[in-house]
Amino acid sequence: MVTLQLLKIEDAAALLEFELANQEWFESYIEARDEDFFSEEGIKEHIDFYLSEYEQERIYPMLLKNAKGTICGRANLYNINREKESGFIGYRIGEEFVSQGLATYATKLLIDVARETLALNQLIATTATDNLASQRVLSKNGFKQVGFKPEFTIVDGEIIDCYEYRYLIKQFLGVM
């Protein structure tokens, strides 16, 4: 069984191990992190920043952990805007844990958090045009493709295009 848990400072060593083990895998899909991130100090600064942003309700940083407590992935709500009742959703699943439904599961739980805890109305996600797995995750969870973002980011030195997806929470609650 996998659970979604709030990121804690006590997760620093395990998170660093997870990020190092999956660095090459992640960088084949998303923009690379700065090298400073991949150290004890760097990961602690990262967690401190995320927890500070969490306290200010700008981010909801979560870890996916299996029954042994091993980090399998990360899933976040970020750029939360209370006035606009919106936020962005992102996830990254460790290479050895892909194709197990974890991103779909995490996305479903984050939608619940957005609705029930944060009272958001809209979630936004972006995915590379060639990342079919991520597009399926979003579609399975009710996200609709609403836009094309040319030259949106750089992955492994290559400028890539992305699609934008949106999920309207109140629409799915029958309120509009």
N, C-alpha and C. Protein backbone atom coordinates (compact mmCIF):
# COMPACT_ATOMS: atom_id res chain seq x y z
N MET A 1 0.83 -1.18 0.00
CA MET A 1 0.00 0.00 0.00
C MET A 1 0.88 1.25 0.00
N VAL A 2 0.48 2.23 -0.78
CA VAL A 2 1.20 3.49 -0.88
C VAL A 2 0.34 4.59 -0.28
N THR A 3 0.98 5.49 0.46
CA THR A 3 0.27 6.62 1.04
C THR A 3 0.91 7.92 0.57
N LEU A 4 0.12 8.96 0.63
CA LEU A 4 0.59 10.30 0.30
C LEU A 4 0.74 11.05 1.61
N GLN A 5 1.96 11.51 1.90
CA GLN A 5 2.26 12.14 3.18
C GLN A 5 2.91 13.50 2.97
N LEU A 6 2.62 14.40 3.88
CA LEU A 6 3.22 15.72 3.83
C LEU A 6 4.74 15.61 4.00
N LEU A 7 5.49 16.32 3.21
CA LEU A 7 6.95 16.39 3.32
C LEU A 7 7.35 16.91 4.69
N LYS A 8 8.36 16.28 5.31
CA LYS A 8 8.86 16.72 6.62
C LYS A 8 10.39 16.83 6.54
N ILE A 9 10.95 17.62 7.44
CA ILE A 9 12.41 17.78 7.48
C ILE A 9 13.08 16.43 7.76
N GLU A 10 12.40 15.54 8.48
CA GLU A 10 12.94 14.22 8.78
C GLU A 10 13.08 13.35 7.53
N ASP A 11 12.48 13.77 6.43
CA ASP A 11 12.56 13.03 5.17
C ASP A 11 13.83 13.36 4.38
N ALA A 12 14.66 14.26 4.88
CA ALA A 12 15.79 14.79 4.11
C ALA A 12 16.70 13.70 3.55
N ALA A 13 17.18 12.79 4.38
CA ALA A 13 18.13 11.77 3.91
C ALA A 13 17.48 10.87 2.87
N ALA A 14 16.25 10.42 3.13
CA ALA A 14 15.56 9.54 2.19
C ALA A 14 15.22 10.27 0.90
N LEU A 15 14.87 11.55 1.00
CA LEU A 15 14.55 12.32 -0.20
C LEU A 15 15.79 12.53 -1.05
N LEU A 16 16.92 12.82 -0.42
CA LEU A 16 18.16 12.97 -1.17
C LEU A 16 18.51 11.67 -1.89
N GLU A 17 18.37 10.56 -1.20
CA GLU A 17 18.63 9.25 -1.81
C GLU A 17 17.71 9.02 -3.01
N PHE A 18 16.43 9.32 -2.85
CA PHE A 18 15.44 9.17 -3.92
C PHE A 18 15.80 10.06 -5.12
N GLU A 19 16.12 11.32 -4.85
CA GLU A 19 16.43 12.26 -5.94
C GLU A 19 17.71 11.87 -6.67
N LEU A 20 18.73 11.43 -5.93
CA LEU A 20 19.98 11.00 -6.56
C LEU A 20 19.76 9.74 -7.40
N ALA A 21 19.02 8.79 -6.87
CA ALA A 21 18.77 7.54 -7.58
C ALA A 21 17.99 7.76 -8.87
N ASN A 22 17.17 8.82 -8.90
CA ASN A 22 16.31 9.07 -10.06
C ASN A 22 16.70 10.30 -10.87
N GLN A 23 17.83 10.90 -10.56
CA GLN A 23 18.22 12.14 -11.20
C GLN A 23 18.22 12.03 -12.73
N GLU A 24 18.89 11.04 -13.25
CA GLU A 24 18.98 10.89 -14.71
C GLU A 24 17.59 10.61 -15.31
N TRP A 25 16.82 9.78 -14.64
CA TRP A 25 15.46 9.45 -15.09
C TRP A 25 14.60 10.71 -15.15
N PHE A 26 14.60 11.50 -14.07
CA PHE A 26 13.79 12.71 -14.05
C PHE A 26 14.25 13.71 -15.10
N GLU A 27 15.55 13.86 -15.25
CA GLU A 27 16.08 14.85 -16.19
C GLU A 27 15.81 14.48 -17.65
N SER A 28 15.37 13.25 -17.89
CA SER A 28 14.98 12.89 -19.25
C SER A 28 13.55 13.36 -19.55
N TYR A 29 12.82 13.82 -18.50
CA TYR A 29 11.44 14.26 -18.67
C TYR A 29 11.19 15.70 -18.26
N ILE A 30 11.95 16.19 -17.28
CA ILE A 30 11.71 17.53 -16.76
C ILE A 30 13.02 18.29 -16.63
N GLU A 31 12.89 19.59 -16.46
CA GLU A 31 14.06 20.46 -16.34
C GLU A 31 14.95 20.01 -15.18
N ALA A 32 16.25 20.00 -15.42
CA ALA A 32 17.22 19.55 -14.41
C ALA A 32 17.27 20.52 -13.23
N ARG A 33 17.50 19.95 -12.06
CA ARG A 33 17.70 20.77 -10.85
C ARG A 33 19.14 21.24 -10.82
N ASP A 34 19.39 22.32 -10.08
CA ASP A 34 20.75 22.80 -9.88
C ASP A 34 21.55 21.74 -9.11
N GLU A 35 22.83 21.68 -9.38
CA GLU A 35 23.68 20.68 -8.70
C GLU A 35 23.71 20.88 -7.19
N ASP A 36 23.54 22.12 -6.71
CA ASP A 36 23.52 22.40 -5.27
C ASP A 36 22.41 21.64 -4.55
N PHE A 37 21.35 21.31 -5.27
CA PHE A 37 20.22 20.59 -4.69
C PHE A 37 20.65 19.21 -4.17
N PHE A 38 21.59 18.58 -4.86
CA PHE A 38 21.97 17.19 -4.59
C PHE A 38 23.04 17.07 -3.52
N SER A 39 22.76 17.62 -2.35
CA SER A 39 23.65 17.52 -1.19
C SER A 39 22.77 17.57 0.06
N GLU A 40 23.33 17.18 1.19
CA GLU A 40 22.56 17.23 2.44
C GLU A 40 22.05 18.64 2.71
N GLU A 41 22.94 19.62 2.56
CA GLU A 41 22.55 21.00 2.79
C GLU A 41 21.51 21.45 1.78
N GLY A 42 21.72 21.10 0.51
CA GLY A 42 20.80 21.50 -0.55
C GLY A 42 19.40 20.94 -0.36
N ILE A 43 19.32 19.68 0.03
CA ILE A 43 18.00 19.06 0.21
C ILE A 43 17.30 19.64 1.43
N LYS A 44 18.07 19.94 2.48
CA LYS A 44 17.45 20.55 3.67
C LYS A 44 16.94 21.96 3.35
N GLU A 45 17.69 22.72 2.58
CA GLU A 45 17.23 24.05 2.16
C GLU A 45 15.96 23.93 1.32
N HIS A 46 15.94 22.95 0.45
CA HIS A 46 14.77 22.69 -0.40
C HIS A 46 13.55 22.40 0.47
N ILE A 47 13.70 21.51 1.43
CA ILE A 47 12.59 21.15 2.32
C ILE A 47 12.16 22.35 3.15
N ASP A 48 13.13 23.07 3.71
CA ASP A 48 12.80 24.27 4.50
C ASP A 48 11.98 25.26 3.67
N PHE A 49 12.40 25.48 2.43
CA PHE A 49 11.69 26.40 1.55
C PHE A 49 10.27 25.90 1.30
N TYR A 50 10.14 24.61 0.98
CA TYR A 50 8.82 24.05 0.69
C TYR A 50 7.91 24.13 1.92
N LEU A 51 8.47 23.86 3.09
CA LEU A 51 7.64 23.92 4.30
C LEU A 51 7.25 25.36 4.64
N SER A 52 8.13 26.31 4.37
CA SER A 52 7.79 27.72 4.55
C SER A 52 6.66 28.12 3.59
N GLU A 53 6.76 27.69 2.36
CA GLU A 53 5.71 27.97 1.38
C GLU A 53 4.40 27.27 1.77
N TYR A 54 4.51 26.08 2.34
CA TYR A 54 3.34 25.35 2.82
C TYR A 54 2.63 26.14 3.93
N GLU A 55 3.40 26.66 4.87
CA GLU A 55 2.83 27.44 5.97
C GLU A 55 2.09 28.68 5.46
N GLN A 56 2.53 29.18 4.32
CA GLN A 56 1.88 30.36 3.73
C GLN A 56 0.82 29.96 2.69
N GLU A 57 0.52 28.66 2.64
CA GLU A 57 -0.51 28.10 1.74
C GLU A 57 -0.24 28.38 0.27
N ARG A 58 1.03 28.37 -0.12
CA ARG A 58 1.38 28.56 -1.52
C ARG A 58 1.76 27.25 -2.19
N ILE A 59 2.02 26.21 -1.38
CA ILE A 59 2.39 24.91 -1.91
C ILE A 59 1.90 23.84 -0.95
N TYR A 60 1.62 22.66 -1.48
CA TYR A 60 1.22 21.52 -0.66
C TYR A 60 2.15 20.38 -1.07
N PRO A 61 3.33 20.25 -0.41
CA PRO A 61 4.36 19.30 -0.84
C PRO A 61 4.16 17.91 -0.22
N MET A 62 4.03 16.90 -1.07
CA MET A 62 3.72 15.56 -0.59
C MET A 62 4.73 14.53 -1.13
N LEU A 63 4.86 13.47 -0.36
CA LEU A 63 5.68 12.33 -0.76
C LEU A 63 4.79 11.09 -0.85
N LEU A 64 5.04 10.27 -1.84
CA LEU A 64 4.41 8.96 -1.94
C LEU A 64 5.36 7.97 -1.29
N LYS A 65 4.87 7.24 -0.29
CA LYS A 65 5.70 6.25 0.40
C LYS A 65 4.99 4.90 0.40
N ASN A 66 5.78 3.85 0.23
CA ASN A 66 5.20 2.51 0.29
C ASN A 66 5.13 2.04 1.74
N ALA A 67 4.66 0.81 1.94
CA ALA A 67 4.46 0.27 3.29
C ALA A 67 5.76 0.19 4.09
N LYS A 68 6.90 0.12 3.40
CA LYS A 68 8.21 0.08 4.08
C LYS A 68 8.73 1.48 4.39
N GLY A 69 8.00 2.50 3.97
CA GLY A 69 8.42 3.88 4.20
C GLY A 69 9.36 4.41 3.13
N THR A 70 9.55 3.65 2.06
CA THR A 70 10.41 4.07 0.95
C THR A 70 9.69 5.10 0.10
N ILE A 71 10.38 6.17 -0.24
CA ILE A 71 9.81 7.19 -1.11
C ILE A 71 9.72 6.63 -2.52
N CYS A 72 8.51 6.65 -3.07
CA CYS A 72 8.25 6.16 -4.43
C CYS A 72 8.09 7.32 -5.41
N GLY A 73 7.71 8.48 -4.89
CA GLY A 73 7.47 9.63 -5.75
C GLY A 73 7.14 10.86 -4.95
N ARG A 74 6.92 11.92 -5.68
CA ARG A 74 6.55 13.20 -5.09
C ARG A 74 5.33 13.71 -5.84
N ALA A 75 4.47 14.43 -5.15
CA ALA A 75 3.30 15.04 -5.77
C ALA A 75 3.01 16.34 -5.03
N ASN A 76 2.84 17.40 -5.77
CA ASN A 76 2.66 18.72 -5.15
C ASN A 76 1.53 19.49 -5.78
N LEU A 77 0.88 20.29 -4.97
CA LEU A 77 0.09 21.41 -5.45
C LEU A 77 0.99 22.62 -5.23
N TYR A 78 1.14 23.46 -6.21
CA TYR A 78 2.04 24.61 -6.08
C TYR A 78 1.46 25.82 -6.81
N ASN A 79 2.11 26.96 -6.62
CA ASN A 79 1.59 28.23 -7.16
C ASN A 79 0.11 28.39 -6.80
N ILE A 80 -0.22 28.05 -5.57
CA ILE A 80 -1.60 28.15 -5.11
C ILE A 80 -1.97 29.63 -4.99
N ASN A 81 -3.07 29.99 -5.61
CA ASN A 81 -3.56 31.36 -5.59
C ASN A 81 -4.95 31.34 -4.96
N ARG A 82 -5.05 31.77 -3.71
CA ARG A 82 -6.32 31.71 -2.98
C ARG A 82 -7.37 32.64 -3.60
N GLU A 83 -6.94 33.80 -4.10
CA GLU A 83 -7.89 34.73 -4.70
C GLU A 83 -8.54 34.14 -5.95
N LYS A 84 -7.73 33.49 -6.77
CA LYS A 84 -8.23 32.89 -8.00
C LYS A 84 -8.74 31.47 -7.79
N GLU A 85 -8.58 30.96 -6.56
CA GLU A 85 -8.98 29.59 -6.21
C GLU A 85 -8.36 28.58 -7.18
N SER A 86 -7.06 28.77 -7.46
CA SER A 86 -6.40 27.89 -8.43
C SER A 86 -5.04 27.45 -7.91
N GLY A 87 -4.54 26.41 -8.53
CA GLY A 87 -3.22 25.91 -8.22
C GLY A 87 -2.74 25.00 -9.34
N PHE A 88 -1.47 24.70 -9.30
CA PHE A 88 -0.87 23.81 -10.28
C PHE A 88 -0.58 22.48 -9.61
N ILE A 89 -0.58 21.43 -10.39
CA ILE A 89 -0.32 20.10 -9.88
C ILE A 89 0.89 19.53 -10.62
N GLY A 90 1.76 18.86 -9.87
CA GLY A 90 2.91 18.22 -10.48
C GLY A 90 3.26 16.97 -9.72
N TYR A 91 3.89 16.03 -10.40
CA TYR A 91 4.28 14.77 -9.77
C TYR A 91 5.51 14.22 -10.47
N ARG A 92 6.24 13.42 -9.75
CA ARG A 92 7.37 12.69 -10.31
C ARG A 92 7.44 11.36 -9.58
N ILE A 93 7.48 10.30 -10.34
CA ILE A 93 7.49 8.95 -9.80
C ILE A 93 8.86 8.35 -10.07
N GLY A 94 9.44 7.71 -9.06
CA GLY A 94 10.74 7.06 -9.23
C GLY A 94 10.70 5.99 -10.31
N GLU A 95 11.80 5.83 -11.03
CA GLU A 95 11.84 4.93 -12.18
C GLU A 95 11.39 3.51 -11.85
N GLU A 96 11.79 3.00 -10.69
CA GLU A 96 11.42 1.62 -10.36
C GLU A 96 9.96 1.47 -9.96
N PHE A 97 9.24 2.59 -9.83
CA PHE A 97 7.85 2.54 -9.39
C PHE A 97 6.85 2.96 -10.48
N VAL A 98 7.33 3.22 -11.70
CA VAL A 98 6.42 3.64 -12.77
C VAL A 98 5.52 2.47 -13.19
N SER A 99 4.45 2.81 -13.86
CA SER A 99 3.47 1.84 -14.38
C SER A 99 2.78 1.05 -13.29
N GLN A 100 2.66 1.65 -12.11
CA GLN A 100 1.96 1.00 -11.00
C GLN A 100 0.73 1.81 -10.56
N GLY A 101 0.40 2.85 -11.33
CA GLY A 101 -0.76 3.68 -11.02
C GLY A 101 -0.52 4.72 -9.94
N LEU A 102 0.74 4.93 -9.56
CA LEU A 102 1.03 5.86 -8.46
C LEU A 102 0.74 7.32 -8.83
N ALA A 103 1.07 7.72 -10.03
CA ALA A 103 0.80 9.11 -10.43
C ALA A 103 -0.71 9.35 -10.51
N THR A 104 -1.45 8.38 -11.00
CA THR A 104 -2.91 8.50 -11.06
C THR A 104 -3.49 8.60 -9.65
N TYR A 105 -3.01 7.76 -8.77
CA TYR A 105 -3.44 7.75 -7.36
C TYR A 105 -3.12 9.08 -6.69
N ALA A 106 -1.89 9.55 -6.84
CA ALA A 106 -1.48 10.80 -6.21
C ALA A 106 -2.29 11.98 -6.75
N THR A 107 -2.53 11.99 -8.05
CA THR A 107 -3.31 13.07 -8.65
C THR A 107 -4.72 13.09 -8.09
N LYS A 108 -5.34 11.93 -7.96
CA LYS A 108 -6.68 11.84 -7.37
C LYS A 108 -6.68 12.40 -5.95
N LEU A 109 -5.69 12.02 -5.15
CA LEU A 109 -5.63 12.51 -3.77
C LEU A 109 -5.39 14.01 -3.71
N LEU A 110 -4.57 14.54 -4.62
CA LEU A 110 -4.32 15.98 -4.64
C LEU A 110 -5.57 16.76 -5.07
N ILE A 111 -6.37 16.18 -5.94
CA ILE A 111 -7.64 16.82 -6.30
C ILE A 111 -8.51 16.92 -5.05
N ASP A 112 -8.53 15.85 -4.26
CA ASP A 112 -9.31 15.86 -3.01
C ASP A 112 -8.79 16.93 -2.06
N VAL A 113 -7.48 17.05 -1.93
CA VAL A 113 -6.89 18.09 -1.07
C VAL A 113 -7.28 19.47 -1.58
N ALA A 114 -7.19 19.66 -2.89
CA ALA A 114 -7.52 20.96 -3.49
C ALA A 114 -8.97 21.33 -3.20
N ARG A 115 -9.85 20.36 -3.29
CA ARG A 115 -11.28 20.60 -3.07
C ARG A 115 -11.60 20.75 -1.58
N GLU A 116 -11.19 19.77 -0.78
CA GLU A 116 -11.65 19.68 0.60
C GLU A 116 -10.83 20.52 1.59
N THR A 117 -9.54 20.61 1.38
CA THR A 117 -8.68 21.32 2.32
C THR A 117 -8.43 22.76 1.90
N LEU A 118 -8.20 22.97 0.61
CA LEU A 118 -7.82 24.28 0.13
C LEU A 118 -8.95 25.07 -0.53
N ALA A 119 -10.07 24.41 -0.79
CA ALA A 119 -11.24 25.05 -1.42
C ALA A 119 -10.88 25.71 -2.75
N LEU A 120 -10.07 25.03 -3.55
CA LEU A 120 -9.72 25.54 -4.87
C LEU A 120 -10.79 25.15 -5.87
N ASN A 121 -10.86 25.89 -6.95
CA ASN A 121 -11.82 25.61 -8.01
C ASN A 121 -11.15 25.04 -9.25
N GLN A 122 -9.87 25.34 -9.45
CA GLN A 122 -9.22 24.96 -10.69
C GLN A 122 -7.80 24.46 -10.43
N LEU A 123 -7.44 23.37 -11.11
CA LEU A 123 -6.07 22.87 -11.09
C LEU A 123 -5.53 22.90 -12.51
N ILE A 124 -4.25 23.21 -12.62
CA ILE A 124 -3.59 23.31 -13.92
C ILE A 124 -2.36 22.41 -13.89
N ALA A 125 -2.10 21.74 -15.01
CA ALA A 125 -0.91 20.90 -15.15
C ALA A 125 -0.34 21.08 -16.55
N THR A 126 0.96 20.91 -16.66
CA THR A 126 1.58 20.90 -17.99
C THR A 126 2.35 19.60 -18.15
N THR A 127 2.41 19.14 -19.38
CA THR A 127 3.15 17.93 -19.69
C THR A 127 3.73 18.04 -21.08
N ALA A 128 4.90 17.46 -21.26
CA ALA A 128 5.54 17.47 -22.58
C ALA A 128 4.61 16.82 -23.60
N THR A 129 4.66 17.31 -24.81
CA THR A 129 3.79 16.78 -25.85
C THR A 129 4.04 15.30 -26.12
N ASP A 130 5.24 14.83 -25.82
CA ASP A 130 5.53 13.41 -26.05
C ASP A 130 5.43 12.55 -24.79
N ASN A 131 4.99 13.12 -23.67
CA ASN A 131 4.85 12.36 -22.43
C ASN A 131 3.43 11.79 -22.34
N LEU A 132 3.20 10.72 -23.08
CA LEU A 132 1.87 10.13 -23.17
C LEU A 132 1.40 9.56 -21.83
N ALA A 133 2.34 9.04 -21.03
CA ALA A 133 1.96 8.47 -19.73
C ALA A 133 1.37 9.56 -18.83
N SER A 134 2.00 10.72 -18.78
CA SER A 134 1.50 11.81 -17.95
C SER A 134 0.17 12.33 -18.49
N GLN A 135 0.04 12.39 -19.79
CA GLN A 135 -1.22 12.83 -20.39
C GLN A 135 -2.35 11.87 -20.01
N ARG A 136 -2.07 10.56 -19.97
CA ARG A 136 -3.08 9.56 -19.57
C ARG A 136 -3.46 9.75 -18.10
N VAL A 137 -2.46 10.00 -17.25
CA VAL A 137 -2.73 10.23 -15.82
C VAL A 137 -3.71 11.39 -15.66
N LEU A 138 -3.44 12.48 -16.33
CA LEU A 138 -4.30 13.66 -16.21
C LEU A 138 -5.70 13.38 -16.76
N SER A 139 -5.77 12.74 -17.91
CA SER A 139 -7.08 12.43 -18.51
C SER A 139 -7.89 11.50 -17.62
N LYS A 140 -7.25 10.49 -17.07
CA LYS A 140 -7.95 9.54 -16.17
C LYS A 140 -8.55 10.26 -14.97
N ASN A 141 -7.94 11.35 -14.56
CA ASN A 141 -8.41 12.10 -13.40
C ASN A 141 -9.33 13.26 -13.76
N GLY A 142 -9.76 13.33 -15.00
CA GLY A 142 -10.73 14.35 -15.39
C GLY A 142 -10.17 15.65 -15.90
N PHE A 143 -8.84 15.75 -16.03
CA PHE A 143 -8.24 16.95 -16.61
C PHE A 143 -8.53 16.98 -18.11
N LYS A 144 -8.70 18.17 -18.64
CA LYS A 144 -8.93 18.37 -20.07
C LYS A 144 -7.78 19.17 -20.66
N GLN A 145 -7.32 18.76 -21.82
CA GLN A 145 -6.27 19.51 -22.51
C GLN A 145 -6.89 20.80 -23.02
N VAL A 146 -6.29 21.94 -22.64
CA VAL A 146 -6.86 23.24 -23.00
C VAL A 146 -5.90 24.14 -23.77
N GLY A 147 -4.66 23.72 -23.90
CA GLY A 147 -3.74 24.62 -24.58
C GLY A 147 -2.45 23.95 -24.98
N PHE A 148 -1.72 24.66 -25.82
CA PHE A 148 -0.42 24.24 -26.31
C PHE A 148 0.57 25.32 -25.93
N LYS A 149 1.70 24.93 -25.36
CA LYS A 149 2.71 25.88 -24.92
C LYS A 149 4.01 25.59 -25.68
N PRO A 150 4.23 26.29 -26.79
CA PRO A 150 5.45 26.06 -27.56
C PRO A 150 6.69 26.51 -26.80
N GLU A 151 7.76 25.74 -26.94
CA GLU A 151 9.05 26.08 -26.34
C GLU A 151 8.89 26.42 -24.86
N PHE A 152 8.17 25.58 -24.13
CA PHE A 152 7.80 25.85 -22.74
C PHE A 152 8.93 25.65 -21.75
N THR A 153 9.78 24.66 -21.98
CA THR A 153 10.84 24.36 -21.02
C THR A 153 12.02 23.71 -21.74
N ILE A 154 13.08 23.48 -20.98
CA ILE A 154 14.27 22.82 -21.53
C ILE A 154 14.48 21.52 -20.77
N VAL A 155 14.56 20.43 -21.51
CA VAL A 155 14.81 19.11 -20.94
C VAL A 155 16.02 18.51 -21.63
N ASP A 156 17.03 18.20 -20.84
CA ASP A 156 18.24 17.58 -21.37
C ASP A 156 18.84 18.40 -22.52
N GLY A 157 18.81 19.73 -22.34
CA GLY A 157 19.39 20.63 -23.33
C GLY A 157 18.53 20.90 -24.54
N GLU A 158 17.34 20.33 -24.59
CA GLU A 158 16.46 20.50 -25.74
C GLU A 158 15.23 21.31 -25.33
N ILE A 159 14.87 22.30 -26.14
CA ILE A 159 13.66 23.08 -25.89
C ILE A 159 12.47 22.22 -26.30
N ILE A 160 11.50 22.11 -25.38
CA ILE A 160 10.36 21.24 -25.69
C ILE A 160 9.03 21.99 -25.59
N ASP A 161 8.06 21.47 -26.30
CA ASP A 161 6.70 21.98 -26.28
C ASP A 161 5.90 21.19 -25.24
N CYS A 162 4.89 21.84 -24.69
CA CYS A 162 4.04 21.19 -23.69
C CYS A 162 2.57 21.45 -23.99
N TYR A 163 1.74 20.60 -23.39
CA TYR A 163 0.30 20.83 -23.38
C TYR A 163 -0.09 21.31 -21.99
N GLU A 164 -1.10 22.14 -21.94
CA GLU A 164 -1.66 22.56 -20.65
C GLU A 164 -2.99 21.83 -20.46
N TYR A 165 -3.17 21.34 -19.23
CA TYR A 165 -4.40 20.64 -18.85
C TYR A 165 -5.04 21.39 -17.69
N ARG A 166 -6.37 21.33 -17.62
CA ARG A 166 -7.08 21.96 -16.51
C ARG A 166 -8.15 21.02 -15.97
N TYR A 167 -8.39 21.19 -14.69
CA TYR A 167 -9.44 20.45 -14.00
C TYR A 167 -10.28 21.47 -13.24
N LEU A 168 -11.57 21.54 -13.56
CA LEU A 168 -12.46 22.47 -12.88
C LEU A 168 -13.21 21.70 -11.80
N ILE A 169 -12.87 21.97 -10.56
CA ILE A 169 -13.40 21.22 -9.43
C ILE A 169 -14.90 21.44 -9.25
N LYS A 170 -15.35 22.68 -9.26
CA LYS A 170 -16.77 22.94 -9.03
C LYS A 170 -17.64 22.34 -10.13
N GLN A 171 -17.10 22.28 -11.34
CA GLN A 171 -17.85 21.66 -12.45
C GLN A 171 -18.14 20.21 -12.11
N PHE A 172 -17.15 19.52 -11.53
CA PHE A 172 -17.32 18.12 -11.21
C PHE A 172 -18.18 17.91 -9.97
N LEU A 173 -18.41 18.95 -9.23
CA LEU A 173 -19.29 18.86 -8.06
C LEU A 173 -20.72 19.23 -8.44
N GLY A 174 -20.93 19.58 -9.72
CA GLY A 174 -22.26 19.98 -10.16
C GLY A 174 -22.57 21.42 -9.82
N VAL A 175 -21.56 22.21 -9.45
CA VAL A 175 -21.76 23.62 -9.11
C VAL A 175 -21.08 24.46 -10.18
N MET A 176 -21.81 25.30 -10.83
CA MET A 176 -21.23 26.20 -11.84
C MET A 176 -21.98 27.47 -11.94
